[in-house]
């Protein structure tokens, strides 16, 4: 599955793949594979990114268009 929203969220923050990879304690190559859908994103990384961007995991996964977290 291709995750366009990962790229969109990253670009909205004016960050590059290397910067996001550092947050996840992984390499830029691995993170790039998440964005392209060439590698499945681990739940741990999905949760870190959702918290970092302030969105729900469902938003990142394309299951909803609502960015806001329901708390």
PDB file of N, CA and C in Angstrom:
ATOM      1  N   UNK A   1       0.845  -1.183   0.000  1.00  0.00           N
ATOM      2  CA  UNK A   1       0.000   0.000   0.000  1.00  0.00           C
ATOM      3  C   UNK A   1       0.887   1.242   0.000  1.00  0.00           C
ATOM      4  N   UNK A   2       0.571   2.178  -0.853  1.00  0.00           N
ATOM      5  CA  UNK A   2       1.306   3.433  -0.997  1.00  0.00           C
ATOM      6  C   UNK A   2       0.718   4.461  -0.038  1.00  0.00           C
ATOM      7  N   UNK A   3       1.576   5.098   0.734  1.00  0.00           N
ATOM      8  CA  UNK A   3       1.097   6.040   1.745  1.00  0.00           C
ATOM      9  C   UNK A   3       1.416   7.476   1.354  1.00  0.00           C
ATOM     10  N   UNK A   4       0.615   8.038   0.451  1.00  0.00           N
ATOM     11  CA  UNK A   4       0.790   9.425   0.018  1.00  0.00           C
ATOM     12  C   UNK A   4       0.707  10.379   1.206  1.00  0.00           C
ATOM     13  N   UNK A   5      -0.096  10.027   2.188  1.00  0.00           N
ATOM     14  CA  UNK A   5      -0.258  10.928   3.330  1.00  0.00           C
ATOM     15  C   UNK A   5       1.013  11.052   4.154  1.00  0.00           C
ATOM     16  N   UNK A   6       1.814   9.997   4.202  1.00  0.00           N
ATOM     17  CA  UNK A   6       3.106  10.118   4.897  1.00  0.00           C
ATOM     18  C   UNK A   6       3.946  11.198   4.238  1.00  0.00           C
ATOM     19  N   UNK A   7       3.990  11.166   2.932  1.00  0.00           N
ATOM     20  CA  UNK A   7       4.768  12.174   2.210  1.00  0.00           C
ATOM     21  C   UNK A   7       4.154  13.561   2.388  1.00  0.00           C
ATOM     22  N   UNK A   8       2.844  13.667   2.259  1.00  0.00           N
ATOM     23  CA  UNK A   8       2.173  14.958   2.392  1.00  0.00           C
ATOM     24  C   UNK A   8       2.412  15.567   3.774  1.00  0.00           C
ATOM     25  N   UNK A   9       2.265  14.759   4.814  1.00  0.00           N
ATOM     26  CA  UNK A   9       2.480  15.259   6.173  1.00  0.00           C
ATOM     27  C   UNK A   9       3.922  15.712   6.366  1.00  0.00           C
ATOM     28  N   UNK A  10       4.854  14.926   5.857  1.00  0.00           N
ATOM     29  CA  UNK A  10       6.271  15.277   5.974  1.00  0.00           C
ATOM     30  C   UNK A  10       6.564  16.587   5.253  1.00  0.00           C
ATOM     31  N   UNK A  11       6.061  16.725   4.036  1.00  0.00           N
ATOM     32  CA  UNK A  11       6.307  17.931   3.260  1.00  0.00           C
ATOM     33  C   UNK A  11       5.611  19.141   3.868  1.00  0.00           C
ATOM     34  N   UNK A  12       4.443  18.943   4.468  1.00  0.00           N
ATOM     35  CA  UNK A  12       3.751  20.045   5.142  1.00  0.00           C
ATOM     36  C   UNK A  12       4.580  20.611   6.295  1.00  0.00           C
ATOM     37  N   UNK A  13       5.431  19.778   6.871  1.00  0.00           N
ATOM     38  CA  UNK A  13       6.307  20.205   7.975  1.00  0.00           C
ATOM     39  C   UNK A  13       7.666  20.679   7.454  1.00  0.00           C
ATOM     40  N   UNK A  14       7.815  20.748   6.128  1.00  0.00           N
ATOM     41  CA  UNK A  14       9.076  21.130   5.484  1.00  0.00           C
ATOM     42  C   UNK A  14      10.243  20.291   5.989  1.00  0.00           C
ATOM     43  N   UNK A  15      10.012  18.994   6.063  1.00  0.00           N
ATOM     44  CA  UNK A  15      11.046  18.065   6.515  1.00  0.00           C
ATOM     45  C   UNK A  15      11.403  17.112   5.379  1.00  0.00           C
ATOM     46  N   UNK A  16      12.618  16.579   5.443  1.00  0.00           N
ATOM     47  CA  UNK A  16      13.021  15.597   4.446  1.00  0.00           C
ATOM     48  C   UNK A  16      12.949  14.195   5.053  1.00  0.00           C
ATOM     49  N   UNK A  17      13.131  13.203   4.213  1.00  0.00           N
ATOM     50  CA  UNK A  17      13.017  11.820   4.673  1.00  0.00           C
ATOM     51  C   UNK A  17      14.050  11.478   5.733  1.00  0.00           C
ATOM     52  N   UNK A  18      15.230  12.024   5.626  1.00  0.00           N
ATOM     53  CA  UNK A  18      16.285  11.747   6.602  1.00  0.00           C
ATOM     54  C   UNK A  18      15.882  12.241   7.988  1.00  0.00           C
ATOM     55  N   UNK A  19      15.279  13.413   8.062  1.00  0.00           N
ATOM     56  CA  UNK A  19      14.847  13.961   9.353  1.00  0.00           C
ATOM     57  C   UNK A  19      13.778  13.081   9.993  1.00  0.00           C
ATOM     58  N   UNK A  20      12.833  12.617   9.211  1.00  0.00           N
ATOM     59  CA  UNK A  20      11.788  11.744   9.754  1.00  0.00           C
ATOM     60  C   UNK A  20      12.388  10.404  10.156  1.00  0.00           C
ATOM     61  N   UNK A  21      13.292   9.886   9.348  1.00  0.00           N
ATOM     62  CA  UNK A  21      13.945   8.615   9.675  1.00  0.00           C
ATOM     63  C   UNK A  21      14.668   8.713  11.016  1.00  0.00           C
ATOM     64  N   UNK A  22      15.279   9.848  11.303  1.00  0.00           N
ATOM     65  CA  UNK A  22      15.969  10.036  12.588  1.00  0.00           C
ATOM     66  C   UNK A  22      14.996   9.959  13.756  1.00  0.00           C
ATOM     67  N   UNK A  23      13.803  10.500  13.579  1.00  0.00           N
ATOM     68  CA  UNK A  23      12.777  10.439  14.626  1.00  0.00           C
ATOM     69  C   UNK A  23      12.399   8.986  14.903  1.00  0.00           C
ATOM     70  N   UNK A  24      12.405   8.177  13.848  1.00  0.00           N
ATOM     71  CA  UNK A  24      12.022   6.769  13.962  1.00  0.00           C
ATOM     72  C   UNK A  24      13.208   5.863  14.296  1.00  0.00           C
ATOM     73  N   UNK A  25      14.403   6.446  14.398  1.00  0.00           N
ATOM     74  CA  UNK A  25      15.625   5.668  14.643  1.00  0.00           C
ATOM     75  C   UNK A  25      15.801   4.586  13.581  1.00  0.00           C
ATOM     76  N   UNK A  26      15.621   5.003  12.323  1.00  0.00           N
ATOM     77  CA  UNK A  26      15.806   4.102  11.188  1.00  0.00           C
ATOM     78  C   UNK A  26      16.559   4.855  10.107  1.00  0.00           C
ATOM     79  N   UNK A  27      16.759   4.229   8.984  1.00  0.00           N
ATOM     80  CA  UNK A  27      17.485   4.879   7.891  1.00  0.00           C
ATOM     81  C   UNK A  27      16.517   5.578   6.934  1.00  0.00           C
ATOM     82  N   UNK A  28      17.064   6.491   6.158  1.00  0.00           N
ATOM     83  CA  UNK A  28      16.270   7.181   5.151  1.00  0.00           C
ATOM     84  C   UNK A  28      15.742   6.185   4.129  1.00  0.00           C
ATOM     85  N   UNK A  29      16.538   5.180   3.798  1.00  0.00           N
ATOM     86  CA  UNK A  29      16.127   4.167   2.821  1.00  0.00           C
ATOM     87  C   UNK A  29      14.889   3.414   3.296  1.00  0.00           C
ATOM     88  N   UNK A  30      14.896   3.009   4.554  1.00  0.00           N
ATOM     89  CA  UNK A  30      13.743   2.288   5.108  1.00  0.00           C
ATOM     90  C   UNK A  30      12.518   3.194   5.112  1.00  0.00           C
ATOM     91  N   UNK A  31      12.687   4.445   5.553  1.00  0.00           N
ATOM     92  CA  UNK A  31      11.544   5.361   5.581  1.00  0.00           C
ATOM     93  C   UNK A  31      10.995   5.596   4.168  1.00  0.00           C
ATOM     94  N   UNK A  32      11.885   5.741   3.208  1.00  0.00           N
ATOM     95  CA  UNK A  32      11.457   5.935   1.826  1.00  0.00           C
ATOM     96  C   UNK A  32      10.591   4.777   1.360  1.00  0.00           C
ATOM     97  N   UNK A  33      10.961   3.579   1.781  1.00  0.00           N
ATOM     98  CA  UNK A  33      10.171   2.396   1.410  1.00  0.00           C
ATOM     99  C   UNK A  33       8.777   2.434   2.031  1.00  0.00           C
ATOM    100  N   UNK A  34       8.650   3.014   3.220  1.00  0.00           N
ATOM    101  CA  UNK A  34       7.313   3.178   3.814  1.00  0.00           C
ATOM    102  C   UNK A  34       6.463   4.084   2.934  1.00  0.00           C
ATOM    103  N   UNK A  35       7.034   5.238   2.546  1.00  0.00           N
ATOM    104  CA  UNK A  35       6.278   6.191   1.732  1.00  0.00           C
ATOM    105  C   UNK A  35       5.870   5.584   0.396  1.00  0.00           C
ATOM    106  N   UNK A  36       6.725   4.787  -0.198  1.00  0.00           N
ATOM    107  CA  UNK A  36       6.447   4.193  -1.510  1.00  0.00           C
ATOM    108  C   UNK A  36       5.593   2.940  -1.409  1.00  0.00           C
ATOM    109  N   UNK A  37       5.410   2.430  -0.209  1.00  0.00           N
ATOM    110  CA  UNK A  37       4.632   1.219  -0.038  1.00  0.00           C
ATOM    111  C   UNK A  37       5.415  -0.040  -0.351  1.00  0.00           C
ATOM    112  N   UNK A  38       6.732   0.086  -0.460  1.00  0.00           N
ATOM    113  CA  UNK A  38       7.575  -1.072  -0.746  1.00  0.00           C
ATOM    114  C   UNK A  38       7.870  -1.881   0.504  1.00  0.00           C
ATOM    115  N   UNK A  39       7.556  -1.311   1.651  1.00  0.00           N
ATOM    116  CA  UNK A  39       7.769  -1.998   2.926  1.00  0.00           C
ATOM    117  C   UNK A  39       6.617  -1.643   3.857  1.00  0.00           C
ATOM    118  N   UNK A  40       6.147  -2.603   4.592  1.00  0.00           N
ATOM    119  CA  UNK A  40       5.072  -2.367   5.551  1.00  0.00           C
ATOM    120  C   UNK A  40       5.611  -1.575   6.731  1.00  0.00           C
ATOM    121  N   UNK A  41       4.888  -0.539   7.116  1.00  0.00           N
ATOM    122  CA  UNK A  41       5.320   0.281   8.239  1.00  0.00           C
ATOM    123  C   UNK A  41       4.949  -0.429   9.541  1.00  0.00           C
ATOM    124  N   UNK A  42       5.921  -0.597  10.446  1.00  0.00           N
ATOM    125  CA  UNK A  42       5.617  -1.241  11.726  1.00  0.00           C
ATOM    126  C   UNK A  42       4.666  -0.377  12.563  1.00  0.00           C
ATOM    127  N   UNK A  43       3.865  -1.030  13.361  1.00  0.00           N
ATOM    128  CA  UNK A  43       2.908  -0.315  14.210  1.00  0.00           C
ATOM    129  C   UNK A  43       3.620   0.721  15.071  1.00  0.00           C
ATOM    130  N   UNK A  44       4.790   0.383  15.600  1.00  0.00           N
ATOM    131  CA  UNK A  44       5.528   1.316  16.457  1.00  0.00           C
ATOM    132  C   UNK A  44       5.845   2.606  15.708  1.00  0.00           C
ATOM    133  N   UNK A  45       6.261   2.490  14.455  1.00  0.00           N
ATOM    134  CA  UNK A  45       6.584   3.679  13.668  1.00  0.00           C
ATOM    135  C   UNK A  45       5.325   4.443  13.298  1.00  0.00           C
ATOM    136  N   UNK A  46       4.267   3.736  13.004  1.00  0.00           N
ATOM    137  CA  UNK A  46       2.993   4.383  12.692  1.00  0.00           C
ATOM    138  C   UNK A  46       2.508   5.221  13.872  1.00  0.00           C
ATOM    139  N   UNK A  47       2.610   4.669  15.070  1.00  0.00           N
ATOM    140  CA  UNK A  47       2.182   5.398  16.265  1.00  0.00           C
ATOM    141  C   UNK A  47       3.056   6.620  16.529  1.00  0.00           C
ATOM    142  N   UNK A  48       4.357   6.478  16.350  1.00  0.00           N
ATOM    143  CA  UNK A  48       5.272   7.612  16.544  1.00  0.00           C
ATOM    144  C   UNK A  48       4.927   8.734  15.572  1.00  0.00           C
ATOM    145  N   UNK A  49       4.701   8.387  14.318  1.00  0.00           N
ATOM    146  CA  UNK A  49       4.389   9.407  13.318  1.00  0.00           C
ATOM    147  C   UNK A  49       3.037  10.059  13.569  1.00  0.00           C
ATOM    148  N   UNK A  50       2.056   9.285  13.962  1.00  0.00           N
ATOM    149  CA  UNK A  50       0.739   9.861  14.270  1.00  0.00           C
ATOM    150  C   UNK A  50       0.857  10.862  15.411  1.00  0.00           C
ATOM    151  N   UNK A  51       1.607  10.519  16.449  1.00  0.00           N
ATOM    152  CA  UNK A  51       1.813  11.450  17.568  1.00  0.00           C
ATOM    153  C   UNK A  51       2.589  12.677  17.112  1.00  0.00           C
ATOM    154  N   UNK A  52       3.624  12.469  16.320  1.00  0.00           N
ATOM    155  CA  UNK A  52       4.456  13.577  15.857  1.00  0.00           C
ATOM    156  C   UNK A  52       3.652  14.574  15.022  1.00  0.00           C
ATOM    157  N   UNK A  53       2.838  14.061  14.112  1.00  0.00           N
ATOM    158  CA  UNK A  53       2.056  14.928  13.236  1.00  0.00           C
ATOM    159  C   UNK A  53       0.739  15.386  13.866  1.00  0.00           C
ATOM    160  N   UNK A  54       0.339  14.770  14.972  1.00  0.00           N
ATOM    161  CA  UNK A  54      -0.912  15.140  15.627  1.00  0.00           C
ATOM    162  C   UNK A  54      -2.139  14.692  14.854  1.00  0.00           C
ATOM    163  N   UNK A  55      -2.026  13.551  14.216  1.00  0.00           N
ATOM    164  CA  UNK A  55      -3.153  12.998  13.454  1.00  0.00           C
ATOM    165  C   UNK A  55      -3.411  11.571  13.927  1.00  0.00           C
ATOM    166  N   UNK A  56      -4.505  11.009  13.482  1.00  0.00           N
ATOM    167  CA  UNK A  56      -4.817   9.632  13.848  1.00  0.00           C
ATOM    168  C   UNK A  56      -4.092   8.659  12.909  1.00  0.00           C
ATOM    169  N   UNK A  57      -3.910   7.466  13.396  1.00  0.00           N
ATOM    170  CA  UNK A  57      -3.329   6.424  12.536  1.00  0.00           C
ATOM    171  C   UNK A  57      -4.259   6.142  11.361  1.00  0.00           C
ATOM    172  N   UNK A  58      -5.558   6.219  11.592  1.00  0.00           N
ATOM    173  CA  UNK A  58      -6.517   6.003  10.504  1.00  0.00           C
ATOM    174  C   UNK A  58      -6.335   7.037   9.395  1.00  0.00           C
ATOM    175  N   UNK A  59      -6.000   8.264   9.752  1.00  0.00           N
ATOM    176  CA  UNK A  59      -5.755   9.289   8.743  1.00  0.00           C
ATOM    177  C   UNK A  59      -4.533   8.914   7.897  1.00  0.00           C
ATOM    178  N   UNK A  60      -3.453   8.529   8.549  1.00  0.00           N
ATOM    179  CA  UNK A  60      -2.241   8.140   7.825  1.00  0.00           C
ATOM    180  C   UNK A  60      -2.527   6.960   6.902  1.00  0.00           C
ATOM    181  N   UNK A  61      -3.311   6.019   7.386  1.00  0.00           N
ATOM    182  CA  UNK A  61      -3.610   4.811   6.613  1.00  0.00           C
ATOM    183  C   UNK A  61      -4.667   5.029   5.536  1.00  0.00           C
ATOM    184  N   UNK A  62      -5.259   6.228   5.489  1.00  0.00           N
ATOM    185  CA  UNK A  62      -6.256   6.525   4.471  1.00  0.00           C
ATOM    186  C   UNK A  62      -7.633   5.996   4.777  1.00  0.00           C
ATOM    187  N   UNK A  63      -7.869   5.649   6.042  1.00  0.00           N
ATOM    188  CA  UNK A  63      -9.178   5.111   6.436  1.00  0.00           C
ATOM    189  C   UNK A  63     -10.177   6.207   6.767  1.00  0.00           C
ATOM    190  N   UNK A  64      -9.693   7.442   6.917  1.00  0.00           N
ATOM    191  CA  UNK A  64     -10.551   8.593   7.175  1.00  0.00           C
ATOM    192  C   UNK A  64      -9.883   9.824   6.581  1.00  0.00           C
ATOM    193  N   UNK A  65     -10.677  10.835   6.294  1.00  0.00           N
ATOM    194  CA  UNK A  65     -10.136  12.104   5.821  1.00  0.00           C
ATOM    195  C   UNK A  65     -10.056  13.119   6.945  1.00  0.00           C
ATOM    196  N   UNK A  66     -10.470  12.708   8.144  1.00  0.00           N
ATOM    197  CA  UNK A  66     -10.454  13.587   9.313  1.00  0.00           C
ATOM    198  C   UNK A  66      -9.077  13.522   9.961  1.00  0.00           C
ATOM    199  N   UNK A  67      -8.330  14.623   9.908  1.00  0.00           N
ATOM    200  CA  UNK A  67      -6.991  14.663  10.500  1.00  0.00           C
ATOM    201  C   UNK A  67      -7.030  14.665  12.021  1.00  0.00           C
ATOM    202  N   UNK A  68      -8.096  15.219  12.579  1.00  0.00           N
ATOM    203  CA  UNK A  68      -8.142  15.427  14.034  1.00  0.00           C
ATOM    204  C   UNK A  68      -8.260  14.120  14.790  1.00  0.00           C
ATOM    205  N   UNK A  69      -7.605  14.116  15.936  1.00  0.00           N
ATOM    206  CA  UNK A  69      -7.695  12.961  16.827  1.00  0.00           C
ATOM    207  C   UNK A  69      -8.982  13.033  17.616  1.00  0.00           C
ATOM    208  N   UNK A  70      -9.641  11.933  17.791  1.00  0.00           N
ATOM    209  CA  UNK A  70     -10.828  11.877  18.634  1.00  0.00           C
ATOM    210  C   UNK A  70     -10.402  11.451  20.030  1.00  0.00           C
ATOM    211  N   UNK A  71     -10.452  12.384  20.950  1.00  0.00           N
ATOM    212  CA  UNK A  71     -10.016  12.089  22.326  1.00  0.00           C
ATOM    213  C   UNK A  71     -11.182  12.082  23.267  1.00  0.00           C
TER     214      UNK A  71
END
